[in-house]
PDB file of N, CA and C in Angstrom:
ATOM      1  N   MET A   1      34.658 155.589  98.396  1.00  0.00           N
ATOM      2  CA  MET A   1      35.498 154.409  98.251  1.00  0.00           C
ATOM      3  C   MET A   1      36.785 154.576  99.034  1.00  0.00           C
ATOM      4  N   SER A   2      37.245 153.504  99.592  1.00  0.00           N
ATOM      5  CA  SER A   2      38.455 153.513 100.388  1.00  0.00           C
ATOM      6  C   SER A   2      39.680 153.429  99.482  1.00  0.00           C
ATOM      7  N   ASP A   3      40.744 154.062  99.944  1.00  0.00           N
ATOM      8  CA  ASP A   3      42.014 153.968  99.222  1.00  0.00           C
ATOM      9  C   ASP A   3      42.775 152.714  99.609  1.00  0.00           C
ATOM     10  N   GLN A   4      42.273 152.004 100.621  1.00  0.00           N
ATOM     11  CA  GLN A   4      42.914 150.779 101.064  1.00  0.00           C
ATOM     12  C   GLN A   4      42.631 149.661 100.062  1.00  0.00           C
ATOM     13  N   PRO A   5      43.667 148.936  99.658  1.00  0.00           N
ATOM     14  CA  PRO A   5      43.417 147.801  98.770  1.00  0.00           C
ATOM     15  C   PRO A   5      42.649 146.708  99.512  1.00  0.00           C
ATOM     16  N   ALA A   6      41.873 145.968  98.768  1.00  0.00           N
ATOM     17  CA  ALA A   6      41.127 144.856  99.361  1.00  0.00           C
ATOM     18  C   ALA A   6      42.108 143.818  99.888  1.00  0.00           C
ATOM     19  N   PRO A   7      41.792 143.199 101.010  1.00  0.00           N
ATOM     20  CA  PRO A   7      42.693 142.159 101.519  1.00  0.00           C
ATOM     21  C   PRO A   7      42.718 140.974 100.560  1.00  0.00           C
ATOM     22  N   PRO A   8      43.840 140.291 100.510  1.00  0.00           N
ATOM     23  CA  PRO A   8      43.916 139.124  99.628  1.00  0.00           C
ATOM     24  C   PRO A   8      42.912 138.059 100.066  1.00  0.00           C
ATOM     25  N   ARG A   9      42.409 137.329  99.092  1.00  0.00           N
ATOM     26  CA  ARG A   9      41.494 136.224  99.376  1.00  0.00           C
ATOM     27  C   ARG A   9      42.095 134.951  98.820  1.00  0.00           C
ATOM     28  N   LEU A  10      41.944 133.895  99.565  1.00  0.00           N
ATOM     29  CA  LEU A  10      42.369 132.575  99.128  1.00  0.00           C
ATOM     30  C   LEU A  10      41.109 131.802  98.789  1.00  0.00           C
ATOM     31  N   ARG A  11      41.005 131.299  97.583  1.00  0.00           N
ATOM     32  CA  ARG A  11      39.822 130.551  97.160  1.00  0.00           C
ATOM     33  C   ARG A  11      40.240 129.121  96.888  1.00  0.00           C
ATOM     34  N   LEU A  12      39.636 128.232  97.625  1.00  0.00           N
ATOM     35  CA  LEU A  12      39.995 126.817  97.566  1.00  0.00           C
ATOM     36  C   LEU A  12      39.041 126.075  96.639  1.00  0.00           C
ATOM     37  N   ARG A  13      39.593 125.298  95.754  1.00  0.00           N
ATOM     38  CA  ARG A  13      38.790 124.448  94.864  1.00  0.00           C
ATOM     39  C   ARG A  13      39.409 123.053  94.909  1.00  0.00           C
ATOM     40  N   ILE A  14      38.576 122.066  95.187  1.00  0.00           N
ATOM     41  CA  ILE A  14      39.051 120.693  95.294  1.00  0.00           C
ATOM     42  C   ILE A  14      38.521 119.910  94.099  1.00  0.00           C
ATOM     43  N   LEU A  15      39.434 119.332  93.339  1.00  0.00           N
ATOM     44  CA  LEU A  15      39.061 118.510  92.191  1.00  0.00           C
ATOM     45  C   LEU A  15      39.209 117.052  92.592  1.00  0.00           C
ATOM     46  N   PHE A  16      38.123 116.321  92.473  1.00  0.00           N
ATOM     47  CA  PHE A  16      38.123 114.892  92.774  1.00  0.00           C
ATOM     48  C   PHE A  16      38.117 114.152  91.440  1.00  0.00           C
ATOM     49  N   GLY A  17      39.274 113.993  90.850  1.00  0.00           N
ATOM     50  CA  GLY A  17      39.338 113.399  89.519  1.00  0.00           C
ATOM     51  C   GLY A  17      38.761 114.376  88.508  1.00  0.00           C
ATOM     52  N   GLU A  18      38.151 113.857  87.469  1.00  0.00           N
ATOM     53  CA  GLU A  18      37.620 114.720  86.421  1.00  0.00           C
ATOM     54  C   GLU A  18      36.115 114.906  86.525  1.00  0.00           C
ATOM     55  N   ASP A  19      35.474 114.142  87.416  1.00  0.00           N
ATOM     56  CA  ASP A  19      34.019 114.154  87.463  1.00  0.00           C
ATOM     57  C   ASP A  19      33.417 114.972  88.590  1.00  0.00           C
ATOM     58  N   ALA A  20      34.197 115.332  89.584  1.00  0.00           N
ATOM     59  CA  ALA A  20      33.621 116.028  90.730  1.00  0.00           C
ATOM     60  C   ALA A  20      34.544 117.145  91.198  1.00  0.00           C
ATOM     61  N   MET A  21      33.926 118.251  91.597  1.00  0.00           N
ATOM     62  CA  MET A  21      34.663 119.402  92.077  1.00  0.00           C
ATOM     63  C   MET A  21      33.834 120.073  93.160  1.00  0.00           C
ATOM     64  N   LEU A  22      34.512 120.567  94.174  1.00  0.00           N
ATOM     65  CA  LEU A  22      33.855 121.347  95.215  1.00  0.00           C
ATOM     66  C   LEU A  22      34.680 122.603  95.424  1.00  0.00           C
ATOM     67  N   GLY A  23      34.015 123.737  95.307  1.00  0.00           N
ATOM     68  CA  GLY A  23      34.701 125.010  95.464  1.00  0.00           C
ATOM     69  C   GLY A  23      33.839 125.994  96.226  1.00  0.00           C
ATOM     70  N   PRO A  24      34.290 127.235  96.281  1.00  0.00           N
ATOM     71  CA  PRO A  24      33.583 128.232  97.083  1.00  0.00           C
ATOM     72  C   PRO A  24      32.165 128.529  96.593  1.00  0.00           C
ATOM     73  N   GLY A  25      31.928 128.470  95.308  1.00  0.00           N
ATOM     74  CA  GLY A  25      30.587 128.737  94.791  1.00  0.00           C
ATOM     75  C   GLY A  25      29.583 127.693  95.231  1.00  0.00           C
ATOM     76  N   LYS A  26      29.953 126.434  95.134  1.00  0.00           N
ATOM     77  CA  LYS A  26      29.056 125.363  95.571  1.00  0.00           C
ATOM     78  C   LYS A  26      28.874 125.400  97.081  1.00  0.00           C
ATOM     79  N   ALA A  27      29.935 125.696  97.816  1.00  0.00           N
ATOM     80  CA  ALA A  27      29.809 125.805  99.272  1.00  0.00           C
ATOM     81  C   ALA A  27      28.883 126.969  99.634  1.00  0.00           C
ATOM     82  N   ASP A  28      29.032 128.084  98.941  1.00  0.00           N
ATOM     83  CA  ASP A  28      28.146 129.236  99.184  1.00  0.00           C
ATOM     84  C   ASP A  28      26.699 128.875  98.874  1.00  0.00           C
ATOM     85  N   LEU A  29      26.485 128.102  97.814  1.00  0.00           N
ATOM     86  CA  LEU A  29      25.131 127.682  97.460  1.00  0.00           C
ATOM     87  C   LEU A  29      24.549 126.778  98.549  1.00  0.00           C
ATOM     88  N   LEU A  30      25.332 125.829  99.035  1.00  0.00           N
ATOM     89  CA  LEU A  30      24.857 124.980 100.128  1.00  0.00           C
ATOM     90  C   LEU A  30      24.482 125.817 101.345  1.00  0.00           C
ATOM     91  N   GLU A  31      25.327 126.785 101.659  1.00  0.00           N
ATOM     92  CA  GLU A  31      25.057 127.654 102.801  1.00  0.00           C
ATOM     93  C   GLU A  31      23.786 128.477 102.590  1.00  0.00           C
ATOM     94  N   ALA A  32      23.588 128.972 101.380  1.00  0.00           N
ATOM     95  CA  ALA A  32      22.387 129.761 101.079  1.00  0.00           C
ATOM     96  C   ALA A  32      21.129 128.889 101.155  1.00  0.00           C
ATOM     97  N   ILE A  33      21.219 127.653 100.703  1.00  0.00           N
ATOM     98  CA  ILE A  33      20.077 126.728 100.816  1.00  0.00           C
ATOM     99  C   ILE A  33      19.785 126.471 102.296  1.00  0.00           C
ATOM    100  N   GLN A  34      20.830 126.289 103.070  1.00  0.00           N
ATOM    101  CA  GLN A  34      20.682 126.062 104.502  1.00  0.00           C
ATOM    102  C   GLN A  34      19.968 127.255 105.159  1.00  0.00           C
ATOM    103  N   GLN A  35      20.304 128.463 104.730  1.00  0.00           N
ATOM    104  CA  GLN A  35      19.739 129.672 105.325  1.00  0.00           C
ATOM    105  C   GLN A  35      18.332 129.984 104.833  1.00  0.00           C
ATOM    106  N   THR A  36      18.051 129.698 103.557  1.00  0.00           N
ATOM    107  CA  THR A  36      16.762 130.102 102.980  1.00  0.00           C
ATOM    108  C   THR A  36      15.742 128.978 102.931  1.00  0.00           C
ATOM    109  N   GLY A  37      16.192 127.727 102.953  1.00  0.00           N
ATOM    110  CA  GLY A  37      15.280 126.596 102.826  1.00  0.00           C
ATOM    111  C   GLY A  37      14.728 126.433 101.425  1.00  0.00           C
ATOM    112  N   SER A  38      15.445 126.980 100.432  1.00  0.00           N
ATOM    113  CA  SER A  38      14.943 126.965  99.059  1.00  0.00           C
ATOM    114  C   SER A  38      16.095 127.071  98.071  1.00  0.00           C
ATOM    115  N   ILE A  39      16.050 126.248  97.044  1.00  0.00           N
ATOM    116  CA  ILE A  39      17.059 126.336  95.986  1.00  0.00           C
ATOM    117  C   ILE A  39      16.865 127.626  95.197  1.00  0.00           C
ATOM    118  N   SER A  40      15.621 127.964  94.877  1.00  0.00           N
ATOM    119  CA  SER A  40      15.379 129.179  94.083  1.00  0.00           C
ATOM    120  C   SER A  40      15.766 130.434  94.866  1.00  0.00           C
ATOM    121  N   ALA A  41      15.428 130.497  96.157  1.00  0.00           N
ATOM    122  CA  ALA A  41      15.793 131.663  96.966  1.00  0.00           C
ATOM    123  C   ALA A  41      17.312 131.749  97.124  1.00  0.00           C
ATOM    124  N   ALA A  42      17.967 130.604  97.280  1.00  0.00           N
ATOM    125  CA  ALA A  42      19.423 130.585  97.383  1.00  0.00           C
ATOM    126  C   ALA A  42      20.040 131.104  96.081  1.00  0.00           C
ATOM    127  N   GLY A  43      19.511 130.638  94.956  1.00  0.00           N
ATOM    128  CA  GLY A  43      20.003 131.117  93.664  1.00  0.00           C
ATOM    129  C   GLY A  43      19.817 132.616  93.513  1.00  0.00           C
ATOM    130  N   ARG A  44      18.629 133.107  93.867  1.00  0.00           N
ATOM    131  CA  ARG A  44      18.370 134.558  93.774  1.00  0.00           C
ATOM    132  C   ARG A  44      19.343 135.339  94.644  1.00  0.00           C
ATOM    133  N   ALA A  45      19.590 134.839  95.853  1.00  0.00           N
ATOM    134  CA  ALA A  45      20.510 135.517  96.772  1.00  0.00           C
ATOM    135  C   ALA A  45      21.923 135.590  96.202  1.00  0.00           C
ATOM    136  N   MET A  46      22.231 134.661  95.316  1.00  0.00           N
ATOM    137  CA  MET A  46      23.563 134.629  94.709  1.00  0.00           C
ATOM    138  C   MET A  46      23.557 135.170  93.280  1.00  0.00           C
ATOM    139  N   SER A  47      22.446 135.809  92.874  1.00  0.00           N
ATOM    140  CA  SER A  47      22.305 136.331  91.504  1.00  0.00           C
ATOM    141  C   SER A  47      22.510 135.228  90.473  1.00  0.00           C
ATOM    142  N   MET A  48      21.883 134.097  90.738  1.00  0.00           N
ATOM    143  CA  MET A  48      22.020 132.920  89.891  1.00  0.00           C
ATOM    144  C   MET A  48      20.619 132.454  89.509  1.00  0.00           C
ATOM    145  N   SER A  49      20.471 131.979  88.306  1.00  0.00           N
ATOM    146  CA  SER A  49      19.166 131.465  87.883  1.00  0.00           C
ATOM    147  C   SER A  49      18.841 130.180  88.649  1.00  0.00           C
ATOM    148  N   TYR A  50      17.548 129.896  88.742  1.00  0.00           N
ATOM    149  CA  TYR A  50      17.122 128.655  89.385  1.00  0.00           C
ATOM    150  C   TYR A  50      17.718 127.460  88.643  1.00  0.00           C
ATOM    151  N   LYS A  51      17.727 127.538  87.325  1.00  0.00           N
ATOM    152  CA  LYS A  51      18.253 126.430  86.514  1.00  0.00           C
ATOM    153  C   LYS A  51      19.721 126.167  86.850  1.00  0.00           C
ATOM    154  N   ARG A  52      20.496 127.223  86.986  1.00  0.00           N
ATOM    155  CA  ARG A  52      21.915 127.083  87.315  1.00  0.00           C
ATOM    156  C   ARG A  52      22.075 126.521  88.730  1.00  0.00           C
ATOM    157  N   ALA A  53      21.310 127.063  89.681  1.00  0.00           N
ATOM    158  CA  ALA A  53      21.396 126.592  91.067  1.00  0.00           C
ATOM    159  C   ALA A  53      21.002 125.118  91.143  1.00  0.00           C
ATOM    160  N   TRP A  54      19.898 124.768  90.479  1.00  0.00           N
ATOM    161  CA  TRP A  54      19.441 123.382  90.506  1.00  0.00           C
ATOM    162  C   TRP A  54      20.479 122.470  89.864  1.00  0.00           C
ATOM    163  N   GLY A  55      21.103 122.927  88.778  1.00  0.00           N
ATOM    164  CA  GLY A  55      22.136 122.136  88.102  1.00  0.00           C
ATOM    165  C   GLY A  55      23.330 121.874  89.012  1.00  0.00           C
ATOM    166  N   LEU A  56      23.744 122.880  89.778  1.00  0.00           N
ATOM    167  CA  LEU A  56      24.864 122.692  90.699  1.00  0.00           C
ATOM    168  C   LEU A  56      24.493 121.736  91.833  1.00  0.00           C
ATOM    169  N   VAL A  57      23.257 121.870  92.333  1.00  0.00           N
ATOM    170  CA  VAL A  57      22.785 120.939  93.368  1.00  0.00           C
ATOM    171  C   VAL A  57      22.780 119.521  92.819  1.00  0.00           C
ATOM    172  N   ASP A  58      22.291 119.351  91.604  1.00  0.00           N
ATOM    173  CA  ASP A  58      22.251 118.030  90.991  1.00  0.00           C
ATOM    174  C   ASP A  58      23.661 117.463  90.823  1.00  0.00           C
ATOM    175  N   GLU A  59      24.610 118.302  90.395  1.00  0.00           N
ATOM    176  CA  GLU A  59      26.006 117.855  90.266  1.00  0.00           C
ATOM    177  C   GLU A  59      26.530 117.342  91.607  1.00  0.00           C
ATOM    178  N   MET A  60      26.272 118.104  92.674  1.00  0.00           N
ATOM    179  CA  MET A  60      26.762 117.697  93.989  1.00  0.00           C
ATOM    180  C   MET A  60      26.067 116.429  94.466  1.00  0.00           C
ATOM    181  N   ASN A  61      24.762 116.352  94.257  1.00  0.00           N
ATOM    182  CA  ASN A  61      24.026 115.159  94.680  1.00  0.00           C
ATOM    183  C   ASN A  61      24.497 113.915  93.940  1.00  0.00           C
ATOM    184  N   GLN A  62      24.881 114.070  92.688  1.00  0.00           N
ATOM    185  CA  GLN A  62      25.369 112.935  91.895  1.00  0.00           C
ATOM    186  C   GLN A  62      26.803 112.558  92.269  1.00  0.00           C
ATOM    187  N   ALA A  63      27.606 113.539  92.677  1.00  0.00           N
ATOM    188  CA  ALA A  63      29.020 113.290  92.936  1.00  0.00           C
ATOM    189  C   ALA A  63      29.270 112.586  94.267  1.00  0.00           C
ATOM    190  N   PHE A  64      28.435 112.866  95.255  1.00  0.00           N
ATOM    191  CA  PHE A  64      28.663 112.296  96.572  1.00  0.00           C
ATOM    192  C   PHE A  64      27.829 111.034  96.767  1.00  0.00           C
ATOM    193  N   ARG A  65      28.311 110.152  97.606  1.00  0.00           N
ATOM    194  CA  ARG A  65      27.638 108.875  97.869  1.00  0.00           C
ATOM    195  C   ARG A  65      26.200 109.109  98.326  1.00  0.00           C
ATOM    196  N   ASP A  66      26.007 110.078  99.219  1.00  0.00           N
ATOM    197  CA  ASP A  66      24.677 110.436  99.698  1.00  0.00           C
ATOM    198  C   ASP A  66      24.354 111.839  99.192  1.00  0.00           C
ATOM    199  N   PRO A  67      23.096 112.111  98.858  1.00  0.00           N
ATOM    200  CA  PRO A  67      22.742 113.456  98.378  1.00  0.00           C
ATOM    201  C   PRO A  67      23.034 114.510  99.444  1.00  0.00           C
ATOM    202  N   LEU A  68      23.398 115.706  98.998  1.00  0.00           N
ATOM    203  CA  LEU A  68      23.704 116.796  99.921  1.00  0.00           C
ATOM    204  C   LEU A  68      22.489 117.674 100.182  1.00  0.00           C
ATOM    205  N   VAL A  69      21.559 117.689  99.231  1.00  0.00           N
ATOM    206  CA  VAL A  69      20.371 118.527  99.339  1.00  0.00           C
ATOM    207  C   VAL A  69      19.146 117.664  99.074  1.00  0.00           C
ATOM    208  N   ALA A  70      18.153 117.780  99.951  1.00  0.00           N
ATOM    209  CA  ALA A  70      16.856 117.135  99.753  1.00  0.00           C
ATOM    210  C   ALA A  70      15.861 118.235  99.422  1.00  0.00           C
ATOM    211  N   SER A  71      15.065 118.027  98.376  1.00  0.00           N
ATOM    212  CA  SER A  71      14.115 119.067  97.987  1.00  0.00           C
ATOM    213  C   SER A  71      12.738 118.464  97.773  1.00  0.00           C
ATOM    214  N   ALA A  72      11.745 119.320  97.932  1.00  0.00           N
ATOM    215  CA  ALA A  72      10.355 118.953  97.674  1.00  0.00           C
ATOM    216  C   ALA A  72       9.796 119.951  96.681  1.00  0.00           C
ATOM    217  N   ARG A  73       9.048 119.464  95.703  1.00  0.00           N
ATOM    218  CA  ARG A  73       8.462 120.346  94.696  1.00  0.00           C
ATOM    219  C   ARG A  73       7.484 121.313  95.332  1.00  0.00           C
ATOM    220  N   GLY A  74       7.262 122.409  94.631  1.00  0.00           N
ATOM    221  CA  GLY A  74       6.316 123.426  95.088  1.00  0.00           C
ATOM    222  C   GLY A  74       4.889 122.949  94.949  1.00  0.00           C
ATOM    223  N   GLY A  75       3.982 123.864  94.809  1.00  0.00           N
ATOM    224  CA  GLY A  75       2.574 123.505  94.695  1.00  0.00           C
ATOM    225  C   GLY A  75       1.796 124.167  95.814  1.00  0.00           C
ATOM    226  N   ALA A  76       0.639 123.634  96.120  1.00  0.00           N
ATOM    227  CA  ALA A  76      -0.228 124.238  97.120  1.00  0.00           C
ATOM    228  C   ALA A  76       0.459 124.350  98.488  1.00  0.00           C
ATOM    229  N   ARG A  77       1.217 123.338  98.841  1.00  0.00           N
ATOM    230  CA  ARG A  77       1.908 123.353 100.134  1.00  0.00           C
ATOM    231  C   ARG A  77       3.247 124.070 100.075  1.00  0.00           C
ATOM    232  N   GLY A  78       3.671 124.433  98.888  1.00  0.00           N
ATOM    233  CA  GLY A  78       4.987 125.059  98.741  1.00  0.00           C
ATOM    234  C   GLY A  78       6.068 124.009  98.750  1.00  0.00           C
ATOM    235  N   GLY A  79       7.162 124.334  98.178  1.00  0.00           N
ATOM    236  CA  GLY A  79       8.271 123.389  98.117  1.00  0.00           C
ATOM    237  C   GLY A  79       9.284 123.725  99.181  1.00  0.00           C
ATOM    238  N   GLY A  80      10.474 123.394  98.920  1.00  0.00           N
ATOM    239  CA  GLY A  80      11.540 123.708  99.855  1.00  0.00           C
ATOM    240  C   GLY A  80      12.721 122.797  99.637  1.00  0.00           C
ATOM    241  N   ALA A  81      13.781 123.136 100.302  1.00  0.00           N
ATOM    242  CA  ALA A  81      15.007 122.341 100.212  1.00  0.00           C
ATOM    243  C   ALA A  81      15.755 122.484 101.520  1.00  0.00           C
ATOM    244  N   GLN A  82      16.473 121.455 101.850  1.00  0.00           N
ATOM    245  CA  GLN A  82      17.312 121.512 103.040  1.00  0.00           C
ATOM    246  C   GLN A  82      18.531 120.636 102.826  1.00  0.00           C
ATOM    247  N   LEU A  83      19.575 120.964 103.571  1.00  0.00           N
ATOM    248  CA  LEU A  83      20.762 120.130 103.508  1.00  0.00           C
ATOM    249  C   LEU A  83      20.482 118.837 104.259  1.00  0.00           C
ATOM    250  N   THR A  84      20.965 117.766 103.700  1.00  0.00           N
ATOM    251  CA  THR A  84      20.917 116.482 104.396  1.00  0.00           C
ATOM    252  C   THR A  84      22.052 116.479 105.422  1.00  0.00           C
ATOM    253  N   GLU A  85      22.114 115.440 106.204  1.00  0.00           N
ATOM    254  CA  GLU A  85      23.226 115.308 107.145  1.00  0.00           C
ATOM    255  C   GLU A  85      24.556 115.306 106.382  1.00  0.00           C
ATOM    256  N   ALA A  86      24.584 114.614 105.252  1.00  0.00           N
ATOM    257  CA  ALA A  86      25.802 114.593 104.428  1.00  0.00           C
ATOM    258  C   ALA A  86      26.128 115.995 103.922  1.00  0.00           C
ATOM    259  N   GLY A  87      25.114 116.741 103.519  1.00  0.00           N
ATOM    260  CA  GLY A  87      25.326 118.109 103.044  1.00  0.00           C
ATOM    261  C   GLY A  87      25.902 119.000 104.127  1.00  0.00           C
ATOM    262  N   GLU A  88      25.382 118.868 105.334  1.00  0.00           N
ATOM    263  CA  GLU A  88      25.906 119.649 106.456  1.00  0.00           C
ATOM    264  C   GLU A  88      27.354 119.282 106.743  1.00  0.00           C
ATOM    265  N   GLN A  89      27.665 117.988 106.658  1.00  0.00           N
ATOM    266  CA  GLN A  89      29.040 117.542 106.910  1.00  0.00           C
ATOM    267  C   GLN A  89      29.993 118.042 105.826  1.00  0.00           C
ATOM    268  N   VAL A  90      29.573 117.949 104.561  1.00  0.00           N
ATOM    269  CA  VAL A  90      30.421 118.421 103.467  1.00  0.00           C
ATOM    270  C   VAL A  90      30.696 119.918 103.623  1.00  0.00           C
ATOM    271  N   LEU A  91      29.662 120.692 103.923  1.00  0.00           N
ATOM    272  CA  LEU A  91      29.835 122.133 104.101  1.00  0.00           C
ATOM    273  C   LEU A  91      30.768 122.415 105.277  1.00  0.00           C
ATOM    274  N   GLU A  92      30.573 121.723 106.372  1.00  0.00           N
ATOM    275  CA  GLU A  92      31.425 121.932 107.545  1.00  0.00           C
ATOM    276  C   GLU A  92      32.882 121.576 107.246  1.00  0.00           C
ATOM    277  N   HIS A  93      33.115 120.444 106.586  1.00  0.00           N
ATOM    278  CA  HIS A  93      34.489 120.050 106.234  1.00  0.00           C
ATOM    279  C   HIS A  93      35.127 121.072 105.294  1.00  0.00           C
ATOM    280  N   PHE A  94      34.369 121.537 104.304  1.00  0.00           N
ATOM    281  CA  PHE A  94      34.924 122.481 103.339  1.00  0.00           C
ATOM    282  C   PHE A  94      35.278 123.803 104.024  1.00  0.00           C
ATOM    283  N   ARG A  95      34.375 124.332 104.848  1.00  0.00           N
ATOM    284  CA  ARG A  95      34.644 125.608 105.537  1.00  0.00           C
ATOM    285  C   ARG A  95      35.842 125.478 106.478  1.00  0.00           C
ATOM    286  N   LYS A  96      35.955 124.359 107.162  1.00  0.00           N
ATOM    287  CA  LYS A  96      37.099 124.154 108.051  1.00  0.00           C
ATOM    288  C   LYS A  96      38.389 124.063 107.245  1.00  0.00           C
ATOM    289  N   LEU A  97      38.347 123.386 106.121  1.00  0.00           N
ATOM    290  CA  LEU A  97      39.517 123.293 105.254  1.00  0.00           C
ATOM    291  C   LEU A  97      39.927 124.675 104.732  1.00  0.00           C
ATOM    292  N   GLU A  98      38.942 125.518 104.405  1.00  0.00           N
ATOM    293  CA  GLU A  98      39.254 126.904 104.002  1.00  0.00           C
ATOM    294  C   GLU A  98      39.988 127.632 105.124  1.00  0.00           C
ATOM    295  N   ASP A  99      39.480 127.498 106.355  1.00  0.00           N
ATOM    296  CA  ASP A  99      40.106 128.167 107.503  1.00  0.00           C
ATOM    297  C   ASP A  99      41.537 127.687 107.712  1.00  0.00           C
ATOM    298  N   ILE A 100      41.727 126.366 107.683  1.00  0.00           N
ATOM    299  CA  ILE A 100      43.055 125.784 107.885  1.00  0.00           C
ATOM    300  C   ILE A 100      44.022 126.258 106.801  1.00  0.00           C
ATOM    301  N   THR A 101      43.553 126.260 105.552  1.00  0.00           N
ATOM    302  CA  THR A 101      44.398 126.666 104.434  1.00  0.00           C
ATOM    303  C   THR A 101      44.782 128.140 104.538  1.00  0.00           C
ATOM    304  N   ALA A 102      43.817 128.986 104.879  1.00  0.00           N
ATOM    305  CA  ALA A 102      44.092 130.424 105.012  1.00  0.00           C
ATOM    306  C   ALA A 102      45.089 130.680 106.142  1.00  0.00           C
ATOM    307  N   GLU A 103      44.902 129.996 107.260  1.00  0.00           N
ATOM    308  CA  GLU A 103      45.801 130.179 108.391  1.00  0.00           C
ATOM    309  C   GLU A 103      47.210 129.693 108.050  1.00  0.00           C
ATOM    310  N   ALA A 104      47.301 128.518 107.441  1.00  0.00           N
ATOM    311  CA  ALA A 104      48.610 127.957 107.101  1.00  0.00           C
ATOM    312  C   ALA A 104      49.327 128.786 106.033  1.00  0.00           C
ATOM    313  N   GLY A 105      48.561 129.412 105.158  1.00  0.00           N
ATOM    314  CA  GLY A 105      49.161 130.173 104.062  1.00  0.00           C
ATOM    315  C   GLY A 105      49.307 131.659 104.313  1.00  0.00           C
ATOM    316  N   ALA A 106      48.896 132.150 105.485  1.00  0.00           N
ATOM    317  CA  ALA A 106      48.873 133.594 105.749  1.00  0.00           C
ATOM    318  C   ALA A 106      50.236 134.262 105.547  1.00  0.00           C
ATOM    319  N   ALA A 107      51.290 133.649 106.047  1.00  0.00           N
ATOM    320  CA  ALA A 107      52.618 134.259 105.922  1.00  0.00           C
ATOM    321  C   ALA A 107      53.051 134.324 104.457  1.00  0.00           C
ATOM    322  N   ARG A 108      52.793 133.270 103.698  1.00  0.00           N
ATOM    323  CA  ARG A 108      53.174 133.255 102.278  1.00  0.00           C
ATOM    324  C   ARG A 108      52.336 134.261 101.484  1.00  0.00           C
ATOM    325  N   ILE A 109      51.057 134.364 101.821  1.00  0.00           N
ATOM    326  CA  ILE A 109      50.201 135.336 101.150  1.00  0.00           C
ATOM    327  C   ILE A 109      50.705 136.751 101.444  1.00  0.00           C
ATOM    328  N   GLY A 110      51.080 136.985 102.702  1.00  0.00           N
ATOM    329  CA  GLY A 110      51.648 138.285 103.075  1.00  0.00           C
ATOM    330  C   GLY A 110      52.928 138.584 102.313  1.00  0.00           C
ATOM    331  N   ALA A 111      53.778 137.582 102.171  1.00  0.00           N
ATOM    332  CA  ALA A 111      55.033 137.766 101.434  1.00  0.00           C
ATOM    333  C   ALA A 111      54.752 138.086  99.967  1.00  0.00           C
ATOM    334  N   LEU A 112      53.786 137.383  99.371  1.00  0.00           N
ATOM    335  CA  LEU A 112      53.430 137.662  97.975  1.00  0.00           C
ATOM    336  C   LEU A 112      52.844 139.059  97.835  1.00  0.00           C
ATOM    337  N   ARG A 113      51.993 139.438  98.785  1.00  0.00           N
ATOM    338  CA  ARG A 113      51.382 140.770  98.726  1.00  0.00           C
ATOM    339  C   ARG A 113      52.447 141.859  98.819  1.00  0.00           C
ATOM    340  N   ALA A 114      53.441 141.647  99.656  1.00  0.00           N
ATOM    341  CA  ALA A 114      54.515 142.625  99.818  1.00  0.00           C
ATOM    342  C   ALA A 114      55.317 142.794  98.532  1.00  0.00           C
ATOM    343  N   MET A 115      55.289 141.804  97.669  1.00  0.00           N
ATOM    344  CA  MET A 115      56.034 141.862  96.412  1.00  0.00           C
ATOM    345  C   MET A 115      55.254 142.539  95.285  1.00  0.00           C
ATOM    346  N   LEU A 116      53.973 142.827  95.524  1.00  0.00           N
ATOM    347  CA  LEU A 116      53.154 143.463  94.490  1.00  0.00           C
ATOM    348  C   LEU A 116      53.561 144.911  94.288  1.00  0.00           C
ATOM    349  N   LYS A 117      53.324 145.422  93.090  1.00  0.00           N
ATOM    350  CA  LYS A 117      53.505 146.845  92.820  1.00  0.00           C
ATOM    351  C   LYS A 117      52.499 147.631  93.642  1.00  0.00           C
ATOM    352  N   ASP A 118      52.834 148.881  93.939  1.00  0.00           N
ATOM    353  CA  ASP A 118      51.879 149.761  94.619  1.00  0.00           C
ATOM    354  C   ASP A 118      50.861 150.215  93.580  1.00  0.00           C
ATOM    355  N   MET A 119      49.625 149.760  93.720  1.00  0.00           N
ATOM    356  CA  MET A 119      48.586 150.079  92.753  1.00  0.00           C
ATOM    357  C   MET A 119      47.574 151.057  93.311  1.00  0.00           C
ATOM    358  N   SER A 120      47.847 151.664  94.476  1.00  0.00           N
ATOM    359  CA  SER A 120      46.878 152.551  95.109  1.00  0.00           C
ATOM    360  C   SER A 120      46.664 153.844  94.306  1.00  0.00           C
ATOM    361  N   HIS A 121      47.634 154.242  93.481  1.00  0.00           N
ATOM    362  CA  HIS A 121      47.488 155.465  92.706  1.00  0.00           C
ATOM    363  C   HIS A 121      46.793 155.215  91.372  1.00  0.00           C
ATOM    364  N   GLU A 122      46.635 153.966  90.985  1.00  0.00           N
ATOM    365  CA  GLU A 122      45.990 153.636  89.719  1.00  0.00           C
ATOM    366  C   GLU A 122      44.492 153.512  89.904  1.00  0.00           C
ATOM    367  N   ALA A 123      43.746 154.028  88.957  1.00  0.00           N
ATOM    368  CA  ALA A 123      42.284 153.911  89.050  1.00  0.00           C
ATOM    369  C   ALA A 123      41.688 153.475  87.750  1.00  0.00           C
TER     370      ALA A 123
END
């Protein structure tokens, strides 16, 4: 293990009123679905149950005007899932917003980090 402290992380969560939220977990799930072509495989990759992954996909599909994920049931031909055009756009906007926020906040994050106690000797 390294004695270097982990770099600070900024985690962005956007609340759209009381009914909709988009944060890093949902964005990671969208990205995993995009990479695996499957809700269940995406959930497994994130150590999440299929039920939980499907529930988050359903929340996102209900919250946005257009569904973010299109899925087909399994069976003889196998199932699958993919991001819709809206899903790709939402993921792209969210990731870009994360980048912009991290860049804009880097100096303040550095200032806050400099104010922390030295915890390298604590284990």
